[in-house]
Amino acid sequence: MGGIDAGVAILLLSALVAGITIGIVVVVSIASRREDRLFSLDGRAPDAACRGARRLTGVTTRGPRAWEDAGPRHHSGDLHGQEPHR
């Protein structure tokens, strides 16, 4: 393989990697906007793109949250949501 052939191969490979990277960024951006528009981050992902974006960015739901199980609480303004010490 000559010098020009190797240069063309490197150029094509770098274009492929750049295209894949840009494609991933675009799909994650679109999925993120869809999740924001649907207010769906607290439930299941609406489609495969959103599931993939959640997996790639590390945003997952792992079951019921503590505030859902705890029920209503009355908070005092000076405690910032903490229970008083008794």
C-alpha atoms as a PDB file:
ATOM      1  CA  MET A   1       0.000   0.000   0.000  1.00  0.00           C
ATOM      2  CA  GLY A   2       1.501   3.300  -1.062  1.00  0.00           C
ATOM      3  CA  GLY A   3       1.588   6.544   0.864  1.00  0.00           C
ATOM      4  CA  ILE A   4      -1.371   8.041  -0.968  1.00  0.00           C
ATOM      5  CA  ASP A   5      -3.454   4.874  -0.498  1.00  0.00           C
ATOM      6  CA  ALA A   6      -2.738   4.885   3.256  1.00  0.00           C
ATOM      7  CA  GLY A   7      -3.679   8.566   3.473  1.00  0.00           C
ATOM      8  CA  VAL A   8      -6.969   7.942   1.691  1.00  0.00           C
ATOM      9  CA  ALA A   9      -7.706   4.991   3.978  1.00  0.00           C
ATOM     10  CA  ILE A  10      -7.017   7.103   7.087  1.00  0.00           C
ATOM     11  CA  LEU A  11      -9.186   9.922   5.716  1.00  0.00           C
ATOM     12  CA  LEU A  12     -12.076   7.538   5.014  1.00  0.00           C
ATOM     13  CA  LEU A  13     -11.770   5.912   8.435  1.00  0.00           C
ATOM     14  CA  SER A  14     -11.736   9.272  10.217  1.00  0.00           C
ATOM     15  CA  ALA A  15     -14.781  10.418   8.189  1.00  0.00           C
ATOM     16  CA  LEU A  16     -16.610   7.233   9.199  1.00  0.00           C
ATOM     17  CA  VAL A  17     -15.798   7.710  12.890  1.00  0.00           C
ATOM     18  CA  ALA A  18     -16.830  11.386  12.740  1.00  0.00           C
ATOM     19  CA  GLY A  19     -20.099  10.471  11.021  1.00  0.00           C
ATOM     20  CA  ILE A  20     -20.932   7.824  13.609  1.00  0.00           C
ATOM     21  CA  THR A  21     -20.152  10.255  16.442  1.00  0.00           C
ATOM     22  CA  ILE A  22     -22.288  13.020  14.946  1.00  0.00           C
ATOM     23  CA  GLY A  23     -25.117  10.543  14.339  1.00  0.00           C
ATOM     24  CA  ILE A  24     -25.076   9.395  17.963  1.00  0.00           C
ATOM     25  CA  VAL A  25     -25.096  12.993  19.226  1.00  0.00           C
ATOM     26  CA  VAL A  26     -28.061  13.859  16.973  1.00  0.00           C
ATOM     27  CA  VAL A  27     -30.105  10.813  18.045  1.00  0.00           C
ATOM     28  CA  VAL A  28     -29.421  11.463  21.748  1.00  0.00           C
ATOM     29  CA  SER A  29     -30.346  15.140  21.328  1.00  0.00           C
ATOM     30  CA  ILE A  30     -33.631  14.314  19.594  1.00  0.00           C
ATOM     31  CA  ALA A  31     -34.485  11.663  22.191  1.00  0.00           C
ATOM     32  CA  SER A  32     -33.681  14.072  25.023  1.00  0.00           C
ATOM     33  CA  ARG A  33     -35.970  16.738  23.566  1.00  0.00           C
ATOM     34  CA  ARG A  34     -38.725  14.144  23.148  1.00  0.00           C
ATOM     35  CA  GLU A  35     -38.374  13.070  26.796  1.00  0.00           C
ATOM     36  CA  ASP A  36     -38.534  16.713  27.921  1.00  0.00           C
ATOM     37  CA  ARG A  37     -41.598  17.397  25.786  1.00  0.00           C
ATOM     38  CA  LEU A  38     -43.437  14.295  27.057  1.00  0.00           C
ATOM     39  CA  PHE A  39     -42.292  14.674  30.712  1.00  0.00           C
ATOM     40  CA  SER A  40     -41.465  10.973  30.627  1.00  0.00           C
ATOM     41  CA  LEU A  41     -38.246  10.689  32.640  1.00  0.00           C
ATOM     42  CA  ASP A  42     -40.024   9.253  35.682  1.00  0.00           C
ATOM     43  CA  GLY A  43     -41.492   6.286  33.797  1.00  0.00           C
ATOM     44  CA  ARG A  44     -40.590   3.959  30.970  1.00  0.00           C
ATOM     45  CA  ALA A  45     -38.893   5.348  27.898  1.00  0.00           C
ATOM     46  CA  PRO A  46     -41.395   6.022  25.097  1.00  0.00           C
ATOM     47  CA  ASP A  47     -39.328   4.450  22.300  1.00  0.00           C
ATOM     48  CA  ALA A  48     -36.060   2.752  21.408  1.00  0.00           C
ATOM     49  CA  ALA A  49     -34.180   6.004  20.772  1.00  0.00           C
ATOM     50  CA  CYS A  50     -35.083   7.265  24.235  1.00  0.00           C
ATOM     51  CA  ARG A  51     -34.079   3.943  25.817  1.00  0.00           C
ATOM     52  CA  GLY A  52     -30.740   4.081  24.027  1.00  0.00           C
ATOM     53  CA  ALA A  53     -30.165   7.695  25.038  1.00  0.00           C
ATOM     54  CA  ARG A  54     -30.954   6.859  28.660  1.00  0.00           C
ATOM     55  CA  ARG A  55     -28.570   3.939  28.603  1.00  0.00           C
ATOM     56  CA  LEU A  56     -25.806   5.977  26.951  1.00  0.00           C
ATOM     57  CA  THR A  57     -26.150   8.901  29.358  1.00  0.00           C
ATOM     58  CA  GLY A  58     -26.748   6.759  32.437  1.00  0.00           C
ATOM     59  CA  VAL A  59     -30.254   8.074  33.180  1.00  0.00           C
ATOM     60  CA  THR A  60     -32.278   5.130  34.439  1.00  0.00           C
ATOM     61  CA  THR A  61     -35.124   4.431  36.818  1.00  0.00           C
ATOM     62  CA  ARG A  62     -34.458   1.712  39.349  1.00  0.00           C
ATOM     63  CA  GLY A  63     -37.869   1.144  40.881  1.00  0.00           C
ATOM     64  CA  PRO A  64     -40.020   3.156  43.278  1.00  0.00           C
ATOM     65  CA  ARG A  65     -38.537   6.291  44.715  1.00  0.00           C
ATOM     66  CA  ALA A  66     -38.374   7.056  48.412  1.00  0.00           C
ATOM     67  CA  TRP A  67     -40.681  10.080  48.183  1.00  0.00           C
ATOM     68  CA  GLU A  68     -43.367   8.001  46.469  1.00  0.00           C
ATOM     69  CA  ASP A  69     -43.410   5.494  49.337  1.00  0.00           C
ATOM     70  CA  ALA A  70     -43.182   8.065  52.127  1.00  0.00           C
ATOM     71  CA  GLY A  71     -46.501   9.774  51.442  1.00  0.00           C
ATOM     72  CA  PRO A  72     -47.244  13.447  52.081  1.00  0.00           C
ATOM     73  CA  ARG A  73     -45.030  15.345  54.472  1.00  0.00           C
ATOM     74  CA  HIS A  74     -45.308  18.757  55.968  1.00  0.00           C
ATOM     75  CA  HIS A  75     -42.050  20.654  55.759  1.00  0.00           C
ATOM     76  CA  SER A  76     -40.960  23.569  57.835  1.00  0.00           C
ATOM     77  CA  GLY A  77     -39.233  26.281  55.837  1.00  0.00           C
ATOM     78  CA  ASP A  78     -36.140  26.326  58.042  1.00  0.00           C
ATOM     79  CA  LEU A  79     -35.456  22.569  57.863  1.00  0.00           C
ATOM     80  CA  HIS A  80     -35.191  22.371  54.043  1.00  0.00           C
ATOM     81  CA  GLY A  81     -37.230  19.188  53.870  1.00  0.00           C
ATOM     82  CA  GLN A  82     -35.524  17.392  56.779  1.00  0.00           C
ATOM     83  CA  GLU A  83     -37.378  15.848  59.697  1.00  0.00           C
ATOM     84  CA  PRO A  84     -36.902  17.546  63.067  1.00  0.00           C
ATOM     85  CA  HIS A  85     -34.629  15.817  65.593  1.00  0.00           C
ATOM     86  CA  ARG A  86     -36.554  14.383  68.542  1.00  0.00           C
END
